[in-house]
Protein backbone atom coordinates (compact mmCIF):
# COMPACT_ATOMS: atom_id res chain seq x y z
CA MET A 1 95.32 134.13 89.72
CA HIS A 2 98.94 133.26 90.46
CA SER A 3 100.52 130.29 88.67
CA LEU A 4 103.48 128.17 89.66
CA ILE A 5 105.58 129.51 86.79
CA ASP A 6 105.32 133.25 86.18
CA LYS A 7 106.42 134.90 82.97
CA ASP A 8 108.24 137.44 85.17
CA ASP A 9 110.57 134.71 86.54
CA ASP A 10 114.12 134.79 85.29
CA ARG A 11 115.25 132.02 82.91
CA PHE A 12 117.00 129.94 85.59
CA THR A 13 113.99 130.02 87.92
CA ARG A 14 111.66 128.94 85.09
CA ILE A 15 113.99 126.04 84.19
CA VAL A 16 114.14 124.91 87.83
CA LYS A 17 110.35 125.11 88.17
CA TYR A 18 109.72 123.24 84.90
CA SER A 19 112.28 120.60 85.85
CA SER A 20 110.70 120.19 89.28
CA VAL A 21 107.27 119.67 87.76
CA VAL A 22 108.63 117.08 85.32
CA VAL A 23 110.63 115.20 87.97
CA ILE A 24 107.75 115.14 90.44
CA SER A 25 105.37 113.93 87.71
CA ILE A 26 107.76 111.13 86.74
CA LEU A 27 108.16 110.08 90.39
CA VAL A 28 104.39 109.98 90.92
CA LEU A 29 103.89 107.90 87.77
CA TYR A 30 106.69 105.53 88.82
CA MET A 31 105.15 105.07 92.27
CA ILE A 32 101.77 104.29 90.70
CA TYR A 33 103.43 101.82 88.31
CA ARG A 34 105.27 100.06 91.17
CA GLY A 35 102.13 99.89 93.26
CA LEU A 36 100.14 98.33 90.41
CA ASN A 37 102.99 95.89 89.70
CA GLN A 38 103.19 94.82 93.33
CA TYR A 39 99.43 94.35 93.48
CA SER A 40 99.53 92.28 90.29
CA ASP A 41 102.27 90.05 91.79
CA TYR A 42 100.27 89.73 95.02
CA GLU A 43 97.14 88.67 93.12
CA GLU A 44 99.10 86.12 91.08
CA ILE A 45 100.70 84.64 94.19
CA LEU A 46 97.33 84.51 95.93
CA ASP A 47 95.62 82.83 92.94
CA ASN A 48 98.42 80.29 92.32
CA LYS A 49 99.93 79.88 95.76
CA ALA A 50 102.53 77.27 96.51
CA PHE A 51 104.97 77.02 99.41
CA THR A 52 108.61 76.20 99.95
CA LYS A 53 111.34 77.03 102.44
CA GLY A 54 113.67 79.98 101.95
CA VAL A 55 116.73 81.25 103.75
CA ILE A 56 117.61 84.85 104.56
CA VAL A 57 120.94 85.68 102.93
CA ASP A 58 121.14 89.40 103.70
CA MET A 59 119.31 92.10 105.61
CA LYS A 60 119.82 95.84 105.61
CA TYR A 61 118.33 99.02 106.93
CA ALA A 62 116.03 100.57 104.30
CA SER A 63 114.39 103.43 106.20
CA VAL A 64 113.19 104.38 109.66
CA SER A 65 110.26 101.99 109.35
CA THR A 66 111.46 99.30 106.93
CA ASP A 67 114.17 96.71 106.48
CA LYS A 68 115.37 95.23 103.20
CA ILE A 69 115.46 91.42 103.20
CA SER A 70 117.24 89.25 100.62
CA TYR A 71 116.19 85.62 100.59
CA GLN A 72 116.82 82.54 98.45
CA TYR A 73 114.70 79.52 97.71
CA GLU A 74 114.69 76.64 95.26
CA ILE A 75 111.89 75.33 93.05
CA ASN A 76 112.41 72.26 90.82
CA GLY A 77 116.18 72.60 91.02
CA ILE A 78 116.16 76.31 90.08
CA LYS A 79 117.45 78.77 92.67
CA TYR A 80 115.74 82.12 93.07
CA LYS A 81 116.88 85.18 94.99
CA GLN A 82 114.42 87.92 95.87
CA ILE A 83 114.56 91.18 97.77
CA THR A 84 111.63 92.58 99.70
CA GLU A 85 111.06 95.39 102.15
CA MET A 86 109.35 94.66 105.43
CA GLY A 87 107.77 97.39 107.50
CA TYR A 88 106.63 95.21 110.37
CA THR A 89 108.43 93.63 113.29
CA ILE A 90 110.86 90.93 112.27
CA PRO A 91 111.20 88.37 115.08
CA CYS A 92 114.79 87.31 114.35
CA LYS A 93 116.14 90.88 114.36
CA GLU A 94 117.73 92.10 117.55
CA LYS A 95 116.17 95.21 119.08
CA LYS A 96 119.26 97.30 118.35
CA GLY A 97 119.14 96.58 114.62
CA ASP A 98 121.61 93.69 114.54
CA TYR A 99 120.68 91.98 111.28
CA ASN A 100 123.26 89.20 111.68
CA SER A 101 120.86 87.25 113.88
CA CYS A 102 118.56 86.80 110.85
CA ILE A 103 121.15 85.65 108.31
CA GLY A 104 120.72 81.92 107.67
CA LYS A 105 117.26 81.72 109.26
CA VAL A 106 114.78 79.58 107.34
CA TYR A 107 111.21 80.73 106.76
CA THR A 108 108.28 79.69 104.59
CA VAL A 109 108.13 81.34 101.15
CA ILE A 110 104.84 81.71 99.32
CA TYR A 111 105.20 81.90 95.54
CA SER A 112 103.23 81.67 92.32
CA SER A 113 103.21 78.15 90.91
CA LEU A 114 102.96 79.74 87.44
CA ASN A 115 105.89 82.14 87.96
CA PRO A 116 108.09 80.95 90.85
CA GLU A 117 110.14 84.16 90.72
CA LYS A 118 107.11 85.98 92.14
CA SER A 119 107.27 85.31 95.85
CA ASP A 120 107.12 86.68 99.35
CA ILE A 121 108.78 85.49 102.54
CA LEU A 122 106.46 84.77 105.46
CA ILE A 123 108.57 86.12 108.28
CA ASN A 124 106.02 87.39 110.83
CA ALA A 125 102.32 87.35 111.71
CA ARG A 126 101.50 90.25 109.40
CA SER A 127 103.00 88.51 106.36
CA TYR A 128 100.68 85.53 106.99
CA GLU A 129 97.67 87.83 107.45
CA ILE A 130 98.32 89.57 104.13
CA TYR A 131 97.89 86.24 102.32
CA HIS A 132 94.92 85.16 104.49
CA LEU A 133 96.88 82.29 106.00
CA LYS A 134 96.69 80.79 109.47
CA ILE A 135 99.33 82.39 111.69
CA PRO A 136 101.76 79.82 113.15
CA LYS A 137 101.96 79.68 116.95
CA GLU A 138 105.54 81.00 117.00
CA PHE A 139 104.29 84.31 115.53
CA GLU A 140 101.21 84.77 117.73
């Protein structure tokens, strides 16, 4: 049977292989941790949902299929700023990736009444579906 790291490998090759295994393991654990954290936030928001209005303050390209959205909202006089990644169509964004058309747009924000810093911006039909909410006519 052939293993990933052979005793016949030179020292440098063994170090690279060991390092690769460690780095990949750490990345997998981090991805699991983030996924569990996001699910926990989602559950809390769903169980303690409250709504307010938020404004998009920045938008950037994140990857081929996602955009990074920064938004602000205020609860009881306290301002919050959150960043989320959206992988679905964003109505305010121009087809050619012009994010400026979204800056300043106001959307509904769903948040946890227990922890208002846990929130999500409801910017398209899919974001309403995720929280089992009725989709507004403008997103249908």
